[in-house]
PDB file of N, CA and C in Angstrom:
ATOM      1  N   MET A   1      -9.124 -85.538-285.062  1.00  0.00           N
ATOM      2  CA  MET A   1      -8.477 -86.501-284.412  1.00  0.00           C
ATOM      3  C   MET A   1      -8.284 -87.761-285.459  1.00  0.00           C
ATOM      4  N   PRO A   2      -7.175 -88.235-285.397  1.00  0.00           N
ATOM      5  CA  PRO A   2      -6.659 -89.138-286.499  1.00  0.00           C
ATOM      6  C   PRO A   2      -7.616 -90.362-286.354  1.00  0.00           C
ATOM      7  N   THR A   3      -7.968 -90.943-287.495  1.00  0.00           N
ATOM      8  CA  THR A   3      -8.821 -92.197-287.457  1.00  0.00           C
ATOM      9  C   THR A   3      -8.009 -93.580-287.522  1.00  0.00           C
ATOM     10  N   GLY A   4      -6.741 -93.486-288.018  1.00  0.00           N
ATOM     11  CA  GLY A   4      -5.939 -94.576-288.271  1.00  0.00           C
ATOM     12  C   GLY A   4      -6.320 -95.198-289.571  1.00  0.00           C
ATOM     13  N   ARG A   5      -7.096 -94.642-290.366  1.00  0.00           N
ATOM     14  CA  ARG A   5      -7.697 -95.305-291.640  1.00  0.00           C
ATOM     15  C   ARG A   5      -7.026 -94.585-292.852  1.00  0.00           C
ATOM     16  N   ASP A   6      -6.732 -95.291-293.773  1.00  0.00           N
ATOM     17  CA  ASP A   6      -5.891 -94.623-295.037  1.00  0.00           C
ATOM     18  C   ASP A   6      -6.947 -94.376-296.024  1.00  0.00           C
ATOM     19  N   VAL A   7      -7.069 -92.964-296.359  1.00  0.00           N
ATOM     20  CA  VAL A   7      -7.997 -92.490-297.164  1.00  0.00           C
ATOM     21  C   VAL A   7      -8.395 -93.207-298.369  1.00  0.00           C
ATOM     22  N   ILE A   8      -7.273 -93.409-299.083  1.00  0.00           N
ATOM     23  CA  ILE A   8      -7.299 -94.184-300.438  1.00  0.00           C
ATOM     24  C   ILE A   8      -8.203 -95.643-300.218  1.00  0.00           C
ATOM     25  N   ARG A   9      -7.706 -96.388-299.181  1.00  0.00           N
ATOM     26  CA  ARG A   9      -8.414 -97.596-298.966  1.00  0.00           C
ATOM     27  C   ARG A   9      -9.873 -97.397-298.505  1.00  0.00           C
ATOM     28  N   TRP A  10      -9.933 -96.342-297.755  1.00  0.00           N
ATOM     29  CA  TRP A  10     -11.520 -96.051-297.214  1.00  0.00           C
ATOM     30  C   TRP A  10     -12.298 -95.816-298.413  1.00  0.00           C
ATOM     31  N   ALA A  11     -11.928 -94.861-299.414  1.00  0.00           N
ATOM     32  CA  ALA A  11     -12.664 -94.562-300.537  1.00  0.00           C
ATOM     33  C   ALA A  11     -12.886 -95.727-301.371  1.00  0.00           C
ATOM     34  N   CYS A  12     -11.904 -96.754-301.703  1.00  0.00           N
ATOM     35  CA  CYS A  12     -12.240 -97.673-302.356  1.00  0.00           C
ATOM     36  C   CYS A  12     -13.144 -98.639-301.807  1.00  0.00           C
ATOM     37  N   GLU A  13     -12.851 -98.852-300.235  1.00  0.00           N
ATOM     38  CA  GLU A  13     -13.953 -99.860-299.572  1.00  0.00           C
ATOM     39  C   GLU A  13     -15.224 -99.097-299.556  1.00  0.00           C
ATOM     40  N   SER A  14     -15.551 -97.978-299.557  1.00  0.00           N
ATOM     41  CA  SER A  14     -16.884 -97.151-299.691  1.00  0.00           C
ATOM     42  C   SER A  14     -17.513 -97.569-301.006  1.00  0.00           C
ATOM     43  N   GLU A  15     -16.708 -97.428-302.069  1.00  0.00           N
ATOM     44  CA  GLU A  15     -17.147 -97.774-303.527  1.00  0.00           C
ATOM     45  C   GLU A  15     -17.568 -99.195-303.528  1.00  0.00           C
ATOM     46  N   ALA A  16     -16.806-100.111-302.877  1.00  0.00           N
ATOM     47  CA  ALA A  16     -17.053-101.379-302.999  1.00  0.00           C
ATOM     48  C   ALA A  16     -18.219-101.773-302.325  1.00  0.00           C
ATOM     49  N   ARG A  17     -18.625-101.025-301.113  1.00  0.00           N
ATOM     50  CA  ARG A  17     -19.760-101.326-300.484  1.00  0.00           C
ATOM     51  C   ARG A  17     -21.064-100.626-300.880  1.00  0.00           C
ATOM     52  N   GLY A  18     -20.906 -99.961-302.179  1.00  0.00           N
ATOM     53  CA  GLY A  18     -22.105 -99.356-302.820  1.00  0.00           C
ATOM     54  C   GLY A  18     -22.253 -97.861-302.759  1.00  0.00           C
ATOM     55  N   ALA A  19     -21.319 -97.202-302.233  1.00  0.00           N
ATOM     56  CA  ALA A  19     -21.338 -95.596-302.146  1.00  0.00           C
ATOM     57  C   ALA A  19     -21.588 -95.122-303.828  1.00  0.00           C
ATOM     58  N   GLY A  20     -22.219 -94.180-304.107  1.00  0.00           N
ATOM     59  CA  GLY A  20     -22.517 -93.774-305.398  1.00  0.00           C
ATOM     60  C   GLY A  20     -21.608 -92.599-305.439  1.00  0.00           C
ATOM     61  N   GLU A  21     -21.323 -91.925-304.597  1.00  0.00           N
ATOM     62  CA  GLU A  21     -20.217 -90.883-304.579  1.00  0.00           C
ATOM     63  C   GLU A  21     -19.724 -90.500-303.341  1.00  0.00           C
ATOM     64  N   ILE A  22     -18.470 -89.860-303.358  1.00  0.00           N
ATOM     65  CA  ILE A  22     -17.717 -89.563-302.127  1.00  0.00           C
ATOM     66  C   ILE A  22     -17.863 -88.004-301.947  1.00  0.00           C
ATOM     67  N   LEU A  23     -18.137 -87.506-300.722  1.00  0.00           N
ATOM     68  CA  LEU A  23     -17.893 -86.028-300.571  1.00  0.00           C
ATOM     69  C   LEU A  23     -16.680 -86.103-299.569  1.00  0.00           C
ATOM     70  N   LEU A  24     -15.525 -85.570-300.188  1.00  0.00           N
ATOM     71  CA  LEU A  24     -14.230 -85.648-299.635  1.00  0.00           C
ATOM     72  C   LEU A  24     -13.837 -84.176-298.894  1.00  0.00           C
ATOM     73  N   THR A  25     -13.951 -84.181-297.636  1.00  0.00           N
ATOM     74  CA  THR A  25     -13.460 -82.993-296.970  1.00  0.00           C
ATOM     75  C   THR A  25     -12.176 -83.059-296.288  1.00  0.00           C
ATOM     76  N   SER A  26     -11.303 -82.159-296.687  1.00  0.00           N
ATOM     77  CA  SER A  26     -10.020 -82.202-296.207  1.00  0.00           C
ATOM     78  C   SER A  26     -10.028 -81.205-294.838  1.00  0.00           C
ATOM     79  N   MET A  27     -10.008 -81.796-293.754  1.00  0.00           N
ATOM     80  CA  MET A  27      -9.983 -81.110-292.424  1.00  0.00           C
ATOM     81  C   MET A  27      -9.010 -80.291-292.328  1.00  0.00           C
ATOM     82  N   ASP A  28      -7.905 -80.535-293.089  1.00  0.00           N
ATOM     83  CA  ASP A  28      -6.573 -79.648-292.737  1.00  0.00           C
ATOM     84  C   ASP A  28      -6.901 -78.268-293.449  1.00  0.00           C
ATOM     85  N   GLN A  29      -7.655 -78.150-294.466  1.00  0.00           N
ATOM     86  CA  GLN A  29      -8.017 -77.011-295.214  1.00  0.00           C
ATOM     87  C   GLN A  29      -9.211 -76.335-295.025  1.00  0.00           C
ATOM     88  N   ASP A  30     -10.238 -77.126-294.252  1.00  0.00           N
ATOM     89  CA  ASP A  30     -11.608 -76.503-293.955  1.00  0.00           C
ATOM     90  C   ASP A  30     -11.490 -75.313-293.318  1.00  0.00           C
ATOM     91  N   GLY A  31     -12.221 -74.398-293.913  1.00  0.00           N
ATOM     92  CA  GLY A  31     -12.268 -73.070-293.217  1.00  0.00           C
ATOM     93  C   GLY A  31     -11.129 -72.225-293.341  1.00  0.00           C
ATOM     94  N   THR A  32      -9.919 -72.534-293.988  1.00  0.00           N
ATOM     95  CA  THR A  32      -8.814 -71.805-294.372  1.00  0.00           C
ATOM     96  C   THR A  32      -8.952 -70.885-295.439  1.00  0.00           C
ATOM     97  N   ARG A  33      -9.780 -71.032-296.360  1.00  0.00           N
ATOM     98  CA  ARG A  33      -9.861 -70.323-297.526  1.00  0.00           C
ATOM     99  C   ARG A  33      -8.667 -70.379-298.425  1.00  0.00           C
ATOM    100  N   ALA A  34      -7.788 -71.159-298.130  1.00  0.00           N
ATOM    101  CA  ALA A  34      -6.293 -71.189-298.781  1.00  0.00           C
ATOM    102  C   ALA A  34      -6.281 -72.178-299.911  1.00  0.00           C
ATOM    103  N   GLY A  35      -7.484 -72.760-300.441  1.00  0.00           N
ATOM    104  CA  GLY A  35      -7.578 -73.711-301.534  1.00  0.00           C
ATOM    105  C   GLY A  35      -7.860 -74.994-301.123  1.00  0.00           C
ATOM    106  N   PHE A  36      -8.495 -75.919-301.856  1.00  0.00           N
ATOM    107  CA  PHE A  36      -8.869 -77.330-301.792  1.00  0.00           C
ATOM    108  C   PHE A  36      -7.496 -77.957-301.826  1.00  0.00           C
ATOM    109  N   ASP A  37      -7.442 -79.323-301.183  1.00  0.00           N
ATOM    110  CA  ASP A  37      -6.240 -80.163-301.116  1.00  0.00           C
ATOM    111  C   ASP A  37      -6.358 -80.804-302.563  1.00  0.00           C
ATOM    112  N   CYS A  38      -5.880 -80.346-303.596  1.00  0.00           N
ATOM    113  CA  CYS A  38      -6.042 -80.687-304.768  1.00  0.00           C
ATOM    114  C   CYS A  38      -5.271 -82.248-304.927  1.00  0.00           C
ATOM    115  N   GLU A  39      -4.129 -82.218-304.246  1.00  0.00           N
ATOM    116  CA  GLU A  39      -3.421 -83.628-304.326  1.00  0.00           C
ATOM    117  C   GLU A  39      -4.084 -84.813-303.621  1.00  0.00           C
ATOM    118  N   LEU A  40      -4.787 -84.462-302.665  1.00  0.00           N
ATOM    119  CA  LEU A  40      -5.931 -85.344-301.969  1.00  0.00           C
ATOM    120  C   LEU A  40      -6.926 -85.659-302.829  1.00  0.00           C
ATOM    121  N   VAL A  41      -7.527 -84.771-303.362  1.00  0.00           N
ATOM    122  CA  VAL A  41      -8.836 -84.952-304.263  1.00  0.00           C
ATOM    123  C   VAL A  41      -8.313 -85.978-305.559  1.00  0.00           C
ATOM    124  N   ARG A  42      -7.211 -85.325-306.186  1.00  0.00           N
ATOM    125  CA  ARG A  42      -6.816 -86.190-307.335  1.00  0.00           C
ATOM    126  C   ARG A  42      -6.651 -87.819-306.879  1.00  0.00           C
ATOM    127  N   ALA A  43      -5.801 -87.717-305.829  1.00  0.00           N
ATOM    128  CA  ALA A  43      -5.482 -89.411-305.347  1.00  0.00           C
ATOM    129  C   ALA A  43      -6.782 -90.174-305.359  1.00  0.00           C
ATOM    130  N   VAL A  44      -7.719 -89.660-304.541  1.00  0.00           N
ATOM    131  CA  VAL A  44      -8.957 -90.241-304.381  1.00  0.00           C
ATOM    132  C   VAL A  44      -9.804 -90.309-305.788  1.00  0.00           C
ATOM    133  N   ALA A  45      -9.769 -89.425-306.632  1.00  0.00           N
ATOM    134  CA  ALA A  45     -10.563 -89.362-307.934  1.00  0.00           C
ATOM    135  C   ALA A  45      -9.948 -90.481-308.632  1.00  0.00           C
ATOM    136  N   GLN A  46      -8.714 -90.622-308.462  1.00  0.00           N
ATOM    137  CA  GLN A  46      -7.885 -91.625-309.528  1.00  0.00           C
ATOM    138  C   GLN A  46      -8.140 -92.981-308.989  1.00  0.00           C
ATOM    139  N   ALA A  47      -8.505 -93.307-307.746  1.00  0.00           N
ATOM    140  CA  ALA A  47      -8.577 -94.615-306.969  1.00  0.00           C
ATOM    141  C   ALA A  47      -9.849 -95.047-307.175  1.00  0.00           C
ATOM    142  N   VAL A  48     -10.880 -94.377-307.446  1.00  0.00           N
ATOM    143  CA  VAL A  48     -12.295 -94.793-307.683  1.00  0.00           C
ATOM    144  C   VAL A  48     -12.986 -94.435-308.896  1.00  0.00           C
ATOM    145  N   SER A  49     -13.975 -95.095-309.250  1.00  0.00           N
ATOM    146  CA  SER A  49     -14.692 -94.817-310.432  1.00  0.00           C
ATOM    147  C   SER A  49     -15.991 -93.922-310.189  1.00  0.00           C
ATOM    148  N   ILE A  50     -16.326 -93.570-308.909  1.00  0.00           N
ATOM    149  CA  ILE A  50     -17.729 -92.981-308.588  1.00  0.00           C
ATOM    150  C   ILE A  50     -17.162 -91.316-308.540  1.00  0.00           C
ATOM    151  N   PRO A  51     -18.163 -90.444-308.630  1.00  0.00           N
ATOM    152  CA  PRO A  51     -17.710 -89.185-308.451  1.00  0.00           C
ATOM    153  C   PRO A  51     -17.119 -88.612-307.265  1.00  0.00           C
ATOM    154  N   VAL A  52     -16.243 -87.794-307.102  1.00  0.00           N
ATOM    155  CA  VAL A  52     -15.721 -87.268-306.011  1.00  0.00           C
ATOM    156  C   VAL A  52     -16.061 -85.777-305.845  1.00  0.00           C
ATOM    157  N   ILE A  53     -16.719 -85.371-304.627  1.00  0.00           N
ATOM    158  CA  ILE A  53     -16.987 -83.999-304.479  1.00  0.00           C
ATOM    159  C   ILE A  53     -16.012 -83.401-303.573  1.00  0.00           C
ATOM    160  N   ALA A  54     -15.405 -82.512-303.915  1.00  0.00           N
ATOM    161  CA  ALA A  54     -14.251 -81.741-303.067  1.00  0.00           C
ATOM    162  C   ALA A  54     -14.797 -80.763-302.085  1.00  0.00           C
ATOM    163  N   SER A  55     -14.273 -80.838-300.948  1.00  0.00           N
ATOM    164  CA  SER A  55     -14.905 -79.848-299.875  1.00  0.00           C
ATOM    165  C   SER A  55     -13.786 -79.533-298.904  1.00  0.00           C
ATOM    166  N   GLY A  56     -13.778 -78.150-298.585  1.00  0.00           N
ATOM    167  CA  GLY A  56     -12.687 -77.818-297.510  1.00  0.00           C
ATOM    168  C   GLY A  56     -11.675 -76.894-298.237  1.00  0.00           C
ATOM    169  N   GLY A  57     -11.662 -75.527-297.902  1.00  0.00           N
ATOM    170  CA  GLY A  57     -10.772 -74.775-298.229  1.00  0.00           C
ATOM    171  C   GLY A  57     -10.838 -73.619-299.385  1.00  0.00           C
ATOM    172  N   ALA A  58     -11.975 -73.669-299.864  1.00  0.00           N
ATOM    173  CA  ALA A  58     -12.361 -72.674-301.030  1.00  0.00           C
ATOM    174  C   ALA A  58     -12.412 -71.312-300.322  1.00  0.00           C
ATOM    175  N   GLY A  59     -11.557 -70.398-301.203  1.00  0.00           N
ATOM    176  CA  GLY A  59     -11.473 -69.066-300.907  1.00  0.00           C
ATOM    177  C   GLY A  59     -11.518 -68.076-302.017  1.00  0.00           C
ATOM    178  N   SER A  60     -11.639 -68.557-303.282  1.00  0.00           N
ATOM    179  CA  SER A  60     -11.587 -67.758-304.398  1.00  0.00           C
ATOM    180  C   SER A  60     -12.161 -68.695-305.495  1.00  0.00           C
ATOM    181  N   VAL A  61     -12.367 -67.942-306.635  1.00  0.00           N
ATOM    182  CA  VAL A  61     -12.806 -68.679-307.741  1.00  0.00           C
ATOM    183  C   VAL A  61     -11.590 -69.595-308.116  1.00  0.00           C
ATOM    184  N   ARG A  62     -10.478 -68.994-308.251  1.00  0.00           N
ATOM    185  CA  ARG A  62      -9.216 -69.707-308.614  1.00  0.00           C
ATOM    186  C   ARG A  62      -9.201 -71.128-308.115  1.00  0.00           C
ATOM    187  N   HIS A  63      -9.573 -71.209-306.886  1.00  0.00           N
ATOM    188  CA  HIS A  63      -9.364 -72.560-305.903  1.00  0.00           C
ATOM    189  C   HIS A  63     -10.512 -73.545-306.791  1.00  0.00           C
ATOM    190  N   PHE A  64     -11.476 -73.091-307.268  1.00  0.00           N
ATOM    191  CA  PHE A  64     -12.441 -73.959-307.912  1.00  0.00           C
ATOM    192  C   PHE A  64     -11.751 -74.438-309.265  1.00  0.00           C
ATOM    193  N   VAL A  65     -11.293 -73.569-309.979  1.00  0.00           N
ATOM    194  CA  VAL A  65     -10.734 -74.059-311.126  1.00  0.00           C
ATOM    195  C   VAL A  65      -9.675 -74.856-310.956  1.00  0.00           C
ATOM    196  N   ASP A  66      -8.723 -74.772-309.910  1.00  0.00           N
ATOM    197  CA  ASP A  66      -7.697 -75.675-309.711  1.00  0.00           C
ATOM    198  C   ASP A  66      -8.301 -76.865-309.281  1.00  0.00           C
ATOM    199  N   VAL A  67      -9.385 -77.030-308.486  1.00  0.00           N
ATOM    200  CA  VAL A  67      -9.704 -78.413-307.919  1.00  0.00           C
ATOM    201  C   VAL A  67     -10.420 -79.113-309.066  1.00  0.00           C
ATOM    202  N   PHE A  68     -10.969 -78.602-310.118  1.00  0.00           N
ATOM    203  CA  PHE A  68     -11.483 -79.287-311.105  1.00  0.00           C
ATOM    204  C   PHE A  68     -10.283 -79.710-312.017  1.00  0.00           C
ATOM    205  N   ARG A  69      -9.450 -79.025-312.483  1.00  0.00           N
ATOM    206  CA  ARG A  69      -8.378 -79.133-313.425  1.00  0.00           C
ATOM    207  C   ARG A  69      -7.206 -80.049-312.702  1.00  0.00           C
ATOM    208  N   GLU A  70      -6.833 -79.694-311.412  1.00  0.00           N
ATOM    209  CA  GLU A  70      -5.643 -80.291-310.948  1.00  0.00           C
ATOM    210  C   GLU A  70      -6.264 -81.491-310.104  1.00  0.00           C
ATOM    211  N   GLY A  71      -7.325 -81.285-309.204  1.00  0.00           N
ATOM    212  CA  GLY A  71      -7.763 -82.319-308.268  1.00  0.00           C
ATOM    213  C   GLY A  71      -8.715 -83.159-309.114  1.00  0.00           C
ATOM    214  N   GLN A  72      -9.151 -82.914-310.284  1.00  0.00           N
ATOM    215  CA  GLN A  72      -9.824 -83.714-311.056  1.00  0.00           C
ATOM    216  C   GLN A  72     -11.088 -84.187-310.400  1.00  0.00           C
ATOM    217  N   ALA A  73     -11.672 -83.188-309.624  1.00  0.00           N
ATOM    218  CA  ALA A  73     -12.879 -83.317-308.855  1.00  0.00           C
ATOM    219  C   ALA A  73     -14.149 -83.338-309.833  1.00  0.00           C
ATOM    220  N   ASP A  74     -15.086 -84.079-309.588  1.00  0.00           N
ATOM    221  CA  ASP A  74     -16.421 -84.216-310.229  1.00  0.00           C
ATOM    222  C   ASP A  74     -17.206 -82.958-309.833  1.00  0.00           C
ATOM    223  N   ALA A  75     -17.261 -82.698-308.534  1.00  0.00           N
ATOM    224  CA  ALA A  75     -17.959 -81.412-308.255  1.00  0.00           C
ATOM    225  C   ALA A  75     -17.198 -80.921-306.970  1.00  0.00           C
ATOM    226  N   ALA A  76     -17.604 -79.702-306.622  1.00  0.00           N
ATOM    227  CA  ALA A  76     -16.687 -78.849-305.416  1.00  0.00           C
ATOM    228  C   ALA A  76     -17.915 -78.135-304.705  1.00  0.00           C
ATOM    229  N   LEU A  77     -17.785 -77.970-303.362  1.00  0.00           N
ATOM    230  CA  LEU A  77     -18.692 -77.220-302.768  1.00  0.00           C
ATOM    231  C   LEU A  77     -17.871 -76.065-301.780  1.00  0.00           C
ATOM    232  N   ALA A  78     -18.629 -75.279-301.362  1.00  0.00           N
ATOM    233  CA  ALA A  78     -17.962 -74.247-300.444  1.00  0.00           C
ATOM    234  C   ALA A  78     -19.300 -73.561-299.643  1.00  0.00           C
ATOM    235  N   ALA A  79     -19.021 -73.030-298.501  1.00  0.00           N
ATOM    236  CA  ALA A  79     -20.029 -72.318-297.757  1.00  0.00           C
ATOM    237  C   ALA A  79     -19.751 -70.898-297.318  1.00  0.00           C
ATOM    238  N   SER A  80     -18.516 -70.634-296.739  1.00  0.00           N
ATOM    239  CA  SER A  80     -17.995 -69.473-296.101  1.00  0.00           C
ATOM    240  C   SER A  80     -17.888 -68.469-297.230  1.00  0.00           C
ATOM    241  N   ILE A  81     -17.436 -68.647-298.339  1.00  0.00           N
ATOM    242  CA  ILE A  81     -16.989 -67.689-299.305  1.00  0.00           C
ATOM    243  C   ILE A  81     -18.430 -67.202-299.783  1.00  0.00           C
ATOM    244  N   PHE A  82     -19.473 -67.878-299.797  1.00  0.00           N
ATOM    245  CA  PHE A  82     -20.935 -67.398-300.115  1.00  0.00           C
ATOM    246  C   PHE A  82     -21.550 -66.706-299.051  1.00  0.00           C
ATOM    247  N   HIS A  83     -21.524 -67.322-297.835  1.00  0.00           N
ATOM    248  CA  HIS A  83     -22.236 -66.786-296.797  1.00  0.00           C
ATOM    249  C   HIS A  83     -21.540 -65.295-296.357  1.00  0.00           C
ATOM    250  N   PHE A  84     -20.229 -65.320-296.538  1.00  0.00           N
ATOM    251  CA  PHE A  84     -19.745 -63.885-296.009  1.00  0.00           C
ATOM    252  C   PHE A  84     -19.368 -63.042-297.280  1.00  0.00           C
ATOM    253  N   HIS A  85     -20.340 -63.465-298.504  1.00  0.00           N
ATOM    254  CA  HIS A  85     -20.137 -62.786-299.783  1.00  0.00           C
ATOM    255  C   HIS A  85     -18.778 -62.157-300.191  1.00  0.00           C
ATOM    256  N   ILE A  86     -17.884 -63.287-300.123  1.00  0.00           N
ATOM    257  CA  ILE A  86     -16.519 -62.993-300.819  1.00  0.00           C
ATOM    258  C   ILE A  86     -16.578 -63.460-302.117  1.00  0.00           C
ATOM    259  N   GLU A  87     -17.569 -64.135-302.709  1.00  0.00           N
ATOM    260  CA  GLU A  87     -17.721 -64.446-304.079  1.00  0.00           C
ATOM    261  C   GLU A  87     -19.139 -64.637-304.091  1.00  0.00           C
ATOM    262  N   SER A  88     -19.702 -64.458-305.520  1.00  0.00           N
ATOM    263  CA  SER A  88     -21.064 -64.694-305.672  1.00  0.00           C
ATOM    264  C   SER A  88     -21.074 -66.080-306.393  1.00  0.00           C
ATOM    265  N   ILE A  89     -22.304 -66.786-306.320  1.00  0.00           N
ATOM    266  CA  ILE A  89     -22.454 -67.941-307.152  1.00  0.00           C
ATOM    267  C   ILE A  89     -22.396 -67.704-308.668  1.00  0.00           C
ATOM    268  N   GLU A  90     -22.996 -66.474-309.000  1.00  0.00           N
ATOM    269  CA  GLU A  90     -23.043 -66.320-310.502  1.00  0.00           C
ATOM    270  C   GLU A  90     -21.641 -65.966-310.905  1.00  0.00           C
ATOM    271  N   HIS A  91     -20.973 -65.277-310.106  1.00  0.00           N
ATOM    272  CA  HIS A  91     -19.495 -64.865-310.724  1.00  0.00           C
ATOM    273  C   HIS A  91     -18.747 -66.089-310.719  1.00  0.00           C
ATOM    274  N   LEU A  92     -18.849 -67.022-309.825  1.00  0.00           N
ATOM    275  CA  LEU A  92     -18.226 -68.428-309.821  1.00  0.00           C
ATOM    276  C   LEU A  92     -18.444 -69.011-311.194  1.00  0.00           C
ATOM    277  N   LYS A  93     -19.877 -69.110-311.378  1.00  0.00           N
ATOM    278  CA  LYS A  93     -20.420 -69.904-312.618  1.00  0.00           C
ATOM    279  C   LYS A  93     -19.724 -69.394-313.910  1.00  0.00           C
ATOM    280  N   ARG A  94     -19.697 -67.984-313.967  1.00  0.00           N
ATOM    281  CA  ARG A  94     -19.230 -67.057-315.066  1.00  0.00           C
ATOM    282  C   ARG A  94     -17.713 -67.599-315.287  1.00  0.00           C
ATOM    283  N   GLU A  95     -17.109 -67.417-314.234  1.00  0.00           N
ATOM    284  CA  GLU A  95     -15.639 -67.670-314.325  1.00  0.00           C
ATOM    285  C   GLU A  95     -15.242 -69.148-314.642  1.00  0.00           C
ATOM    286  N   LEU A  96     -15.864 -70.179-314.116  1.00  0.00           N
ATOM    287  CA  LEU A  96     -15.838 -71.515-314.563  1.00  0.00           C
ATOM    288  C   LEU A  96     -16.001 -71.789-316.029  1.00  0.00           C
ATOM    289  N   HIS A  97     -17.243 -71.082-316.568  1.00  0.00           N
ATOM    290  CA  HIS A  97     -17.702 -71.228-317.849  1.00  0.00           C
ATOM    291  C   HIS A  97     -16.475 -70.683-318.663  1.00  0.00           C
ATOM    292  N   ALA A  98     -15.942 -69.523-318.348  1.00  0.00           N
ATOM    293  CA  ALA A  98     -14.772 -69.028-318.937  1.00  0.00           C
ATOM    294  C   ALA A  98     -13.463 -69.794-318.830  1.00  0.00           C
ATOM    295  N   ALA A  99     -13.410 -70.580-318.082  1.00  0.00           N
ATOM    296  CA  ALA A  99     -12.183 -71.425-318.082  1.00  0.00           C
ATOM    297  C   ALA A  99     -12.381 -72.679-318.642  1.00  0.00           C
ATOM    298  N   ASN A 100     -13.514 -72.894-319.201  1.00  0.00           N
ATOM    299  CA  ASN A 100     -13.830 -74.098-319.910  1.00  0.00           C
ATOM    300  C   ASN A 100     -14.147 -75.381-318.926  1.00  0.00           C
ATOM    301  N   VAL A 101     -14.508 -74.950-317.722  1.00  0.00           N
ATOM    302  CA  VAL A 101     -14.937 -76.016-316.662  1.00  0.00           C
ATOM    303  C   VAL A 101     -16.465 -76.214-317.065  1.00  0.00           C
ATOM    304  N   PRO A 102     -16.795 -77.526-317.139  1.00  0.00           N
ATOM    305  CA  PRO A 102     -18.286 -77.625-317.323  1.00  0.00           C
ATOM    306  C   PRO A 102     -18.975 -77.429-316.060  1.00  0.00           C
ATOM    307  N   VAL A 103     -20.112 -76.437-316.263  1.00  0.00           N
ATOM    308  CA  VAL A 103     -20.970 -75.928-315.348  1.00  0.00           C
ATOM    309  C   VAL A 103     -22.130 -75.599-315.843  1.00  0.00           C
ATOM    310  N   ARG A 104     -23.423 -75.769-315.073  1.00  0.00           N
ATOM    311  CA  ARG A 104     -24.620 -75.509-315.499  1.00  0.00           C
ATOM    312  C   ARG A 104     -24.673 -74.080-316.057  1.00  0.00           C
ATOM    313  N   TRP A 105     -25.062 -73.750-317.181  1.00  0.00           N
ATOM    314  CA  TRP A 105     -25.069 -72.567-317.844  1.00  0.00           C
ATOM    315  C   TRP A 105     -26.220 -72.267-318.561  1.00  0.00           C
ATOM    316  N   PRO A 106     -26.868 -71.242-318.843  1.00  0.00           N
ATOM    317  CA  PRO A 106     -26.404 -69.971-318.035  1.00  0.00           C
ATOM    318  C   PRO A 106     -26.979 -70.122-316.674  1.00  0.00           C
ATOM    319  N   CYS A 107     -26.242 -69.157-315.737  1.00  0.00           N
ATOM    320  CA  CYS A 107     -26.876 -69.202-314.492  1.00  0.00           C
ATOM    321  C   CYS A 107     -28.069 -68.218-314.193  1.00  0.00           C
TER     322      CYS A 107
END
């Protein structure tokens, strides 16, 4: 349901009111496994100085690499790809490490 709020303004207002990080879920991408909305994540990340956590749309390891590189996310989350054993956390961490994306290592 549309809220009538601009996401960039809302992110900036949230930061101004003391938010320490933003968990940004793209409802258009959520559950699709088609990838994160990197354009949206990048726009918010560039507008605020607090960490942005991307959510919604992860379906592969490549999607995580993309959201960190293209989306400039500070962190990313996913659920269904792990719950349904599409990817393992260990494999994701290994691939992120290989792609030179900072990750807690070793896993």
